[in-house]
Amino acid sequence: MKDCIEEMAVVFALHGQGKADSPLRTVLAVPLGDILVMPSAVKRTKAEASVKVVSVFPKNKSGVPSINAVTILVDGETGEPKAMISGGALTAIRTGAVSGLSCRYLARDGAETLGIVGAGGGGNGWGGRQRILLSARSRCSAGMRRSMIRSI
């Protein structure tokens, strides 16, 4: 996670320098939900690009998640697809890394308690990692399902 936090610091710096392009997402409305398309590109030593596709179908049943996603990494110079990654897993990692980065700059020196609002994938995905990074002695969690909160 520490490497991911450092990478997010680099990406935010590139964005601040105008070297990252992340246009507003496109929303395609379909009868039972929405499909969101989110492209991005960054100019480093070598150009890099990605496209995240998220489907939001709130009425899904039979155990099918209402939100599904995939991220495709693309070589920014040739256009060749390089990888396809679970959007949910990548989002959980990115959310944890950005949260860790924000703790670096916003947490009070000597802070011992970490507050987590939300007990879904994001809260479960990064709560424990942030506790380690902050050397927090305790956590305070809030969420809609008690069983999920206990697992953080």
N, C-alpha and C. Protein backbone atom coordinates (compact mmCIF):
# COMPACT_ATOMS: atom_id res chain seq x y z
N MET A 1 0.83 -1.20 0.00
CA MET A 1 0.00 0.00 0.00
C MET A 1 0.87 1.26 0.00
N LYS A 2 2.03 1.18 0.66
CA LYS A 2 2.90 2.36 0.70
C LYS A 2 3.33 2.78 -0.70
N ASP A 3 3.63 1.80 -1.58
CA ASP A 3 3.99 2.12 -2.97
C ASP A 3 2.82 2.78 -3.69
N CYS A 4 1.60 2.32 -3.43
CA CYS A 4 0.42 2.90 -4.07
C CYS A 4 0.21 4.34 -3.61
N ILE A 5 0.45 4.61 -2.34
CA ILE A 5 0.32 5.98 -1.82
C ILE A 5 1.32 6.89 -2.51
N GLU A 6 2.56 6.42 -2.65
CA GLU A 6 3.58 7.23 -3.32
C GLU A 6 3.21 7.48 -4.78
N GLU A 7 2.66 6.47 -5.44
CA GLU A 7 2.25 6.63 -6.84
C GLU A 7 1.11 7.65 -6.96
N MET A 8 0.17 7.65 -6.03
CA MET A 8 -0.91 8.64 -6.06
C MET A 8 -0.35 10.05 -5.86
N ALA A 9 0.67 10.21 -5.03
CA ALA A 9 1.31 11.51 -4.85
C ALA A 9 1.90 11.99 -6.17
N VAL A 10 2.54 11.08 -6.91
CA VAL A 10 3.11 11.42 -8.22
C VAL A 10 2.02 11.82 -9.20
N VAL A 11 0.93 11.05 -9.23
CA VAL A 11 -0.16 11.32 -10.17
C VAL A 11 -0.83 12.66 -9.86
N PHE A 12 -1.05 12.96 -8.59
CA PHE A 12 -1.63 14.27 -8.23
C PHE A 12 -0.70 15.40 -8.65
N ALA A 13 0.61 15.20 -8.49
CA ALA A 13 1.57 16.22 -8.92
C ALA A 13 1.52 16.41 -10.43
N LEU A 14 1.45 15.31 -11.18
CA LEU A 14 1.35 15.40 -12.64
C LEU A 14 0.07 16.12 -13.05
N HIS A 15 -1.02 15.84 -12.36
CA HIS A 15 -2.29 16.53 -12.65
C HIS A 15 -2.13 18.02 -12.41
N GLY A 16 -1.50 18.39 -11.31
CA GLY A 16 -1.27 19.80 -11.00
C GLY A 16 -0.40 20.50 -12.03
N GLN A 17 0.47 19.74 -12.69
CA GLN A 17 1.35 20.28 -13.72
C GLN A 17 0.70 20.27 -15.10
N GLY A 18 -0.56 19.84 -15.17
CA GLY A 18 -1.26 19.78 -16.45
C GLY A 18 -0.85 18.60 -17.32
N LYS A 19 -0.24 17.59 -16.73
CA LYS A 19 0.23 16.44 -17.50
C LYS A 19 -0.70 15.24 -17.43
N ALA A 20 -1.86 15.42 -16.81
CA ALA A 20 -2.85 14.35 -16.72
C ALA A 20 -4.18 14.88 -17.25
N ASP A 21 -4.83 14.07 -18.05
CA ASP A 21 -6.12 14.45 -18.62
C ASP A 21 -7.15 13.41 -18.20
N SER A 22 -8.17 13.86 -17.51
CA SER A 22 -9.22 12.96 -17.04
C SER A 22 -10.56 13.65 -17.26
N PRO A 23 -11.08 13.59 -18.49
CA PRO A 23 -12.33 14.29 -18.79
C PRO A 23 -13.52 13.74 -18.01
N LEU A 24 -14.58 14.52 -17.96
CA LEU A 24 -15.80 14.07 -17.29
C LEU A 24 -16.27 12.76 -17.91
N ARG A 25 -16.85 11.94 -17.08
CA ARG A 25 -17.32 10.64 -17.56
C ARG A 25 -18.52 10.80 -18.48
N THR A 26 -18.65 9.85 -19.37
CA THR A 26 -19.80 9.77 -20.26
C THR A 26 -20.79 8.79 -19.66
N VAL A 27 -22.06 9.16 -19.66
CA VAL A 27 -23.10 8.29 -19.10
C VAL A 27 -23.99 7.82 -20.25
N LEU A 28 -24.12 6.51 -20.37
CA LEU A 28 -25.01 5.91 -21.35
C LEU A 28 -26.16 5.28 -20.59
N ALA A 29 -27.35 5.86 -20.72
CA ALA A 29 -28.53 5.34 -20.02
C ALA A 29 -29.10 4.17 -20.82
N VAL A 30 -29.29 3.04 -20.14
CA VAL A 30 -29.92 1.88 -20.75
C VAL A 30 -31.16 1.56 -19.92
N PRO A 31 -32.07 0.74 -20.43
CA PRO A 31 -33.35 0.55 -19.74
C PRO A 31 -33.28 0.22 -18.24
N LEU A 32 -32.34 -0.59 -17.81
CA LEU A 32 -32.31 -1.01 -16.40
C LEU A 32 -31.16 -0.41 -15.59
N GLY A 33 -30.44 0.53 -16.19
CA GLY A 33 -29.32 1.12 -15.46
C GLY A 33 -28.53 2.11 -16.29
N ASP A 34 -27.30 2.31 -15.89
CA ASP A 34 -26.41 3.23 -16.59
C ASP A 34 -25.06 2.58 -16.80
N ILE A 35 -24.42 2.95 -17.90
CA ILE A 35 -23.05 2.53 -18.16
C ILE A 35 -22.21 3.80 -18.21
N LEU A 36 -21.17 3.85 -17.39
CA LEU A 36 -20.31 5.02 -17.29
C LEU A 36 -18.97 4.70 -17.95
N VAL A 37 -18.45 5.62 -18.74
CA VAL A 37 -17.17 5.44 -19.41
C VAL A 37 -16.26 6.59 -18.97
N MET A 38 -15.08 6.22 -18.42
CA MET A 38 -14.17 7.22 -17.85
C MET A 38 -12.76 7.03 -18.41
N PRO A 39 -12.37 7.83 -19.39
CA PRO A 39 -11.02 7.73 -19.93
C PRO A 39 -10.05 8.63 -19.16
N SER A 40 -8.77 8.29 -19.26
CA SER A 40 -7.75 9.17 -18.69
C SER A 40 -6.43 8.91 -19.40
N ALA A 41 -5.57 9.91 -19.36
CA ALA A 41 -4.23 9.79 -19.94
C ALA A 41 -3.28 10.62 -19.10
N VAL A 42 -2.03 10.18 -19.06
CA VAL A 42 -1.01 10.92 -18.32
C VAL A 42 0.27 10.94 -19.16
N LYS A 43 0.95 12.08 -19.11
CA LYS A 43 2.20 12.23 -19.85
C LYS A 43 3.36 12.10 -18.88
N ARG A 44 4.03 10.97 -18.92
CA ARG A 44 5.25 10.75 -18.15
C ARG A 44 6.38 10.64 -19.15
N THR A 45 7.41 9.89 -18.83
CA THR A 45 8.46 9.63 -19.81
C THR A 45 7.84 8.98 -21.04
N LYS A 46 6.88 8.10 -20.79
CA LYS A 46 6.12 7.44 -21.84
C LYS A 46 4.64 7.70 -21.55
N ALA A 47 3.87 8.00 -22.58
CA ALA A 47 2.44 8.27 -22.39
C ALA A 47 1.71 7.00 -21.94
N GLU A 48 0.75 7.18 -21.04
CA GLU A 48 -0.06 6.08 -20.53
C GLU A 48 -1.52 6.49 -20.59
N ALA A 49 -2.40 5.52 -20.76
CA ALA A 49 -3.83 5.82 -20.82
C ALA A 49 -4.63 4.66 -20.23
N SER A 50 -5.87 4.97 -19.86
CA SER A 50 -6.76 3.92 -19.36
C SER A 50 -8.21 4.32 -19.64
N VAL A 51 -9.06 3.32 -19.61
CA VAL A 51 -10.50 3.54 -19.72
C VAL A 51 -11.16 2.65 -18.67
N LYS A 52 -11.99 3.26 -17.84
CA LYS A 52 -12.75 2.50 -16.84
C LYS A 52 -14.20 2.50 -17.29
N VAL A 53 -14.80 1.32 -17.30
CA VAL A 53 -16.20 1.17 -17.65
C VAL A 53 -16.92 0.62 -16.42
N VAL A 54 -17.93 1.35 -15.99
CA VAL A 54 -18.70 0.97 -14.80
C VAL A 54 -20.16 0.80 -15.20
N SER A 55 -20.75 -0.31 -14.82
CA SER A 55 -22.19 -0.49 -15.05
C SER A 55 -22.90 -0.40 -13.70
N VAL A 56 -23.95 0.39 -13.67
CA VAL A 56 -24.74 0.58 -12.45
C VAL A 56 -26.17 0.12 -12.75
N PHE A 57 -26.53 -1.03 -12.21
CA PHE A 57 -27.84 -1.62 -12.42
C PHE A 57 -28.45 -1.90 -11.05
N PRO A 58 -29.10 -0.90 -10.46
CA PRO A 58 -29.55 -1.00 -9.06
C PRO A 58 -30.59 -2.07 -8.78
N LYS A 59 -31.26 -2.58 -9.78
CA LYS A 59 -32.31 -3.59 -9.53
C LYS A 59 -31.82 -5.02 -9.76
N ASN A 60 -30.51 -5.21 -9.89
CA ASN A 60 -30.00 -6.57 -10.07
C ASN A 60 -30.43 -7.47 -8.93
N LYS A 61 -30.71 -8.72 -9.27
CA LYS A 61 -31.11 -9.71 -8.28
C LYS A 61 -30.25 -10.94 -8.42
N SER A 62 -30.53 -11.95 -7.64
CA SER A 62 -29.84 -13.24 -7.70
C SER A 62 -28.35 -13.13 -7.41
N GLY A 63 -27.97 -12.22 -6.54
CA GLY A 63 -26.57 -12.12 -6.14
C GLY A 63 -25.66 -11.39 -7.10
N VAL A 64 -26.20 -10.87 -8.20
CA VAL A 64 -25.38 -10.11 -9.13
C VAL A 64 -25.20 -8.71 -8.55
N PRO A 65 -23.96 -8.25 -8.37
CA PRO A 65 -23.75 -6.91 -7.81
C PRO A 65 -24.42 -5.85 -8.66
N SER A 66 -24.87 -4.79 -8.02
CA SER A 66 -25.52 -3.70 -8.76
C SER A 66 -24.50 -2.81 -9.46
N ILE A 67 -23.25 -2.87 -9.02
CA ILE A 67 -22.19 -2.09 -9.67
C ILE A 67 -21.07 -3.05 -10.07
N ASN A 68 -20.70 -3.01 -11.34
CA ASN A 68 -19.61 -3.82 -11.88
C ASN A 68 -18.69 -2.90 -12.66
N ALA A 69 -17.40 -3.21 -12.68
CA ALA A 69 -16.47 -2.33 -13.38
C ALA A 69 -15.26 -3.09 -13.89
N VAL A 70 -14.65 -2.53 -14.92
CA VAL A 70 -13.40 -3.04 -15.46
C VAL A 70 -12.57 -1.83 -15.91
N THR A 71 -11.25 -1.93 -15.73
CA THR A 71 -10.35 -0.89 -16.20
C THR A 71 -9.41 -1.51 -17.22
N ILE A 72 -9.26 -0.85 -18.35
CA ILE A 72 -8.36 -1.32 -19.40
C ILE A 72 -7.19 -0.35 -19.47
N LEU A 73 -5.98 -0.86 -19.30
CA LEU A 73 -4.78 -0.05 -19.44
C LEU A 73 -4.33 -0.12 -20.89
N VAL A 74 -3.99 1.05 -21.44
CA VAL A 74 -3.65 1.15 -22.86
C VAL A 74 -2.30 1.83 -23.00
N ASP A 75 -1.46 1.30 -23.87
CA ASP A 75 -0.20 1.95 -24.17
C ASP A 75 -0.52 3.29 -24.83
N GLY A 76 -0.09 4.37 -24.23
CA GLY A 76 -0.43 5.71 -24.72
C GLY A 76 0.26 6.10 -26.01
N GLU A 77 1.22 5.30 -26.47
CA GLU A 77 1.92 5.61 -27.72
C GLU A 77 1.47 4.73 -28.88
N THR A 78 1.07 3.48 -28.58
CA THR A 78 0.66 2.57 -29.65
C THR A 78 -0.83 2.27 -29.64
N GLY A 79 -1.49 2.52 -28.52
CA GLY A 79 -2.91 2.20 -28.40
C GLY A 79 -3.16 0.75 -28.07
N GLU A 80 -2.11 -0.03 -27.90
CA GLU A 80 -2.25 -1.46 -27.61
C GLU A 80 -2.76 -1.67 -26.18
N PRO A 81 -3.84 -2.45 -26.01
CA PRO A 81 -4.30 -2.78 -24.66
C PRO A 81 -3.21 -3.58 -23.94
N LYS A 82 -2.91 -3.19 -22.71
CA LYS A 82 -1.85 -3.85 -21.95
C LYS A 82 -2.39 -4.72 -20.82
N ALA A 83 -3.54 -4.34 -20.27
CA ALA A 83 -4.08 -5.12 -19.15
C ALA A 83 -5.56 -4.80 -18.98
N MET A 84 -6.28 -5.76 -18.43
CA MET A 84 -7.67 -5.56 -18.03
C MET A 84 -7.73 -5.93 -16.55
N ILE A 85 -8.18 -4.98 -15.73
CA ILE A 85 -8.15 -5.13 -14.28
C ILE A 85 -9.55 -4.95 -13.73
N SER A 86 -9.88 -5.72 -12.70
CA SER A 86 -11.16 -5.55 -12.02
C SER A 86 -11.28 -4.11 -11.53
N GLY A 87 -12.31 -3.42 -11.97
CA GLY A 87 -12.50 -2.04 -11.55
C GLY A 87 -12.74 -1.91 -10.07
N GLY A 88 -13.45 -2.87 -9.48
CA GLY A 88 -13.72 -2.82 -8.05
C GLY A 88 -12.45 -2.95 -7.23
N ALA A 89 -11.60 -3.91 -7.61
CA ALA A 89 -10.34 -4.12 -6.88
C ALA A 89 -9.43 -2.91 -7.03
N LEU A 90 -9.33 -2.39 -8.25
CA LEU A 90 -8.48 -1.22 -8.48
C LEU A 90 -9.00 0.00 -7.73
N THR A 91 -10.30 0.19 -7.71
CA THR A 91 -10.89 1.33 -7.00
C THR A 91 -10.62 1.22 -5.50
N ALA A 92 -10.71 0.02 -4.94
CA ALA A 92 -10.44 -0.15 -3.51
C ALA A 92 -8.99 0.20 -3.19
N ILE A 93 -8.07 -0.21 -4.05
CA ILE A 93 -6.66 0.11 -3.83
C ILE A 93 -6.43 1.62 -3.96
N ARG A 94 -6.99 2.22 -5.03
CA ARG A 94 -6.81 3.65 -5.25
C ARG A 94 -7.42 4.47 -4.11
N THR A 95 -8.60 4.08 -3.66
CA THR A 95 -9.26 4.79 -2.57
C THR A 95 -8.41 4.72 -1.30
N GLY A 96 -7.88 3.54 -1.02
CA GLY A 96 -7.01 3.39 0.14
C GLY A 96 -5.76 4.24 0.02
N ALA A 97 -5.17 4.27 -1.17
CA ALA A 97 -3.94 5.05 -1.38
C ALA A 97 -4.21 6.55 -1.24
N VAL A 98 -5.30 7.03 -1.82
CA VAL A 98 -5.63 8.45 -1.71
C VAL A 98 -5.96 8.81 -0.27
N SER A 99 -6.63 7.92 0.42
CA SER A 99 -6.94 8.16 1.84
C SER A 99 -5.66 8.22 2.66
N GLY A 100 -4.74 7.30 2.38
CA GLY A 100 -3.46 7.31 3.08
C GLY A 100 -2.68 8.58 2.81
N LEU A 101 -2.71 9.04 1.56
CA LEU A 101 -2.03 10.28 1.19
C LEU A 101 -2.66 11.46 1.92
N SER A 102 -3.99 11.48 1.99
CA SER A 102 -4.65 12.58 2.69
C SER A 102 -4.32 12.56 4.18
N CYS A 103 -4.19 11.35 4.75
CA CYS A 103 -3.80 11.25 6.17
C CYS A 103 -2.41 11.83 6.39
N ARG A 104 -1.54 11.62 5.42
CA ARG A 104 -0.18 12.14 5.53
C ARG A 104 -0.20 13.66 5.70
N TYR A 105 -1.07 14.34 4.97
CA TYR A 105 -1.08 15.79 4.98
C TYR A 105 -2.10 16.40 5.95
N LEU A 106 -3.14 15.65 6.28
CA LEU A 106 -4.22 16.24 7.07
C LEU A 106 -4.33 15.72 8.50
N ALA A 107 -3.77 14.56 8.79
CA ALA A 107 -3.89 14.01 10.15
C ALA A 107 -3.01 14.81 11.11
N ARG A 108 -3.54 15.03 12.27
CA ARG A 108 -2.80 15.73 13.32
C ARG A 108 -1.62 14.86 13.75
N ASP A 109 -0.46 15.49 14.00
CA ASP A 109 0.69 14.74 14.51
C ASP A 109 0.29 14.04 15.81
N GLY A 110 0.64 12.78 15.91
CA GLY A 110 0.33 12.03 17.12
C GLY A 110 -1.08 11.47 17.15
N ALA A 111 -1.84 11.59 16.05
CA ALA A 111 -3.21 11.07 16.02
C ALA A 111 -3.19 9.57 16.32
N GLU A 112 -4.13 9.12 17.17
CA GLU A 112 -4.17 7.71 17.57
C GLU A 112 -5.46 7.01 17.18
N THR A 113 -6.45 7.76 16.67
CA THR A 113 -7.73 7.16 16.31
C THR A 113 -8.02 7.45 14.84
N LEU A 114 -8.44 6.41 14.13
CA LEU A 114 -8.80 6.53 12.73
C LEU A 114 -10.30 6.36 12.61
N GLY A 115 -10.99 7.32 12.01
CA GLY A 115 -12.43 7.23 11.78
C GLY A 115 -12.71 6.76 10.36
N ILE A 116 -13.60 5.78 10.22
CA ILE A 116 -13.96 5.25 8.91
C ILE A 116 -15.48 5.35 8.77
N VAL A 117 -15.93 6.07 7.75
CA VAL A 117 -17.35 6.17 7.47
C VAL A 117 -17.63 5.33 6.23
N GLY A 118 -18.45 4.31 6.40
CA GLY A 118 -18.76 3.39 5.31
C GLY A 118 -18.08 2.06 5.56
N ALA A 119 -18.82 1.00 5.44
CA ALA A 119 -18.27 -0.32 5.74
C ALA A 119 -18.37 -1.25 4.53
N GLY A 120 -18.48 -0.68 3.34
CA GLY A 120 -18.52 -1.51 2.13
C GLY A 120 -17.11 -1.88 1.71
N GLY A 121 -16.93 -2.10 0.40
CA GLY A 121 -15.64 -2.51 -0.11
C GLY A 121 -14.52 -1.54 0.22
N GLY A 122 -14.78 -0.26 0.13
CA GLY A 122 -13.75 0.73 0.42
C GLY A 122 -13.31 0.70 1.87
N GLY A 123 -14.25 0.72 2.79
CA GLY A 123 -13.92 0.69 4.21
C GLY A 123 -13.18 -0.58 4.58
N ASN A 124 -13.65 -1.70 4.07
CA ASN A 124 -12.99 -2.97 4.35
C ASN A 124 -11.64 -3.05 3.65
N GLY A 125 -11.55 -2.45 2.48
CA GLY A 125 -10.33 -2.55 1.70
C GLY A 125 -9.17 -1.76 2.24
N TRP A 126 -9.44 -0.67 2.93
CA TRP A 126 -8.31 0.15 3.34
C TRP A 126 -8.25 0.50 4.82
N GLY A 127 -9.27 0.21 5.57
CA GLY A 127 -9.26 0.60 6.98
C GLY A 127 -8.09 0.07 7.76
N GLY A 128 -7.82 -1.22 7.63
CA GLY A 128 -6.71 -1.81 8.36
C GLY A 128 -5.37 -1.28 7.91
N ARG A 129 -5.23 -1.05 6.62
CA ARG A 129 -3.97 -0.53 6.09
C ARG A 129 -3.69 0.87 6.61
N GLN A 130 -4.73 1.70 6.66
CA GLN A 130 -4.52 3.06 7.14
C GLN A 130 -4.16 3.04 8.62
N ARG A 131 -4.76 2.12 9.36
CA ARG A 131 -4.45 2.02 10.79
C ARG A 131 -2.96 1.74 10.97
N ILE A 132 -2.42 0.85 10.14
CA ILE A 132 -0.99 0.54 10.23
C ILE A 132 -0.16 1.76 9.86
N LEU A 133 -0.53 2.44 8.77
CA LEU A 133 0.24 3.59 8.31
C LEU A 133 0.24 4.72 9.33
N LEU A 134 -0.87 4.89 10.02
CA LEU A 134 -0.98 5.96 11.00
C LEU A 134 -0.55 5.53 12.39
N SER A 135 -0.23 4.25 12.56
CA SER A 135 0.06 3.70 13.88
C SER A 135 -1.09 4.00 14.83
N ALA A 136 -2.31 3.97 14.32
CA ALA A 136 -3.49 4.26 15.14
C ALA A 136 -3.71 3.14 16.15
N ARG A 137 -4.06 3.52 17.35
CA ARG A 137 -4.34 2.53 18.40
C ARG A 137 -5.78 2.04 18.33
N SER A 138 -6.65 2.85 17.76
CA SER A 138 -8.05 2.45 17.70
C SER A 138 -8.69 2.97 16.43
N ARG A 139 -9.85 2.38 16.11
CA ARG A 139 -10.62 2.80 14.95
C ARG A 139 -12.06 3.04 15.39
N CYS A 140 -12.70 3.98 14.76
CA CYS A 140 -14.12 4.24 14.98
C CYS A 140 -14.78 4.13 13.62
N SER A 141 -15.70 3.18 13.45
CA SER A 141 -16.31 2.91 12.16
C SER A 141 -17.81 3.17 12.20
N ALA A 142 -18.36 3.65 11.09
CA ALA A 142 -19.80 3.86 10.95
C ALA A 142 -20.25 3.29 9.62
N GLY A 143 -21.35 2.58 9.62
CA GLY A 143 -21.87 2.00 8.40
C GLY A 143 -23.30 1.53 8.61
N MET A 144 -23.93 1.08 7.54
CA MET A 144 -25.34 0.68 7.62
C MET A 144 -25.52 -0.74 8.16
N ARG A 145 -24.52 -1.61 7.97
CA ARG A 145 -24.67 -3.00 8.42
C ARG A 145 -23.64 -3.30 9.50
N ARG A 146 -24.13 -3.64 10.68
CA ARG A 146 -23.26 -3.92 11.82
C ARG A 146 -22.25 -5.03 11.51
N SER A 147 -22.66 -6.06 10.78
CA SER A 147 -21.76 -7.16 10.47
C SER A 147 -20.56 -6.69 9.65
N MET A 148 -20.78 -5.72 8.77
CA MET A 148 -19.69 -5.19 7.96
C MET A 148 -18.77 -4.33 8.81
N ILE A 149 -19.31 -3.56 9.73
CA ILE A 149 -18.50 -2.69 10.56
C ILE A 149 -17.54 -3.51 11.41
N ARG A 150 -18.01 -4.61 11.95
CA ARG A 150 -17.17 -5.45 12.80
C ARG A 150 -15.96 -6.00 12.06
N SER A 151 -16.08 -6.16 10.73
CA SER A 151 -14.99 -6.75 9.98
C SER A 151 -13.89 -5.76 9.63
N ILE A 152 -14.13 -4.48 9.87
CA ILE A 152 -13.12 -3.47 9.53
C ILE A 152 -12.08 -3.41 10.63
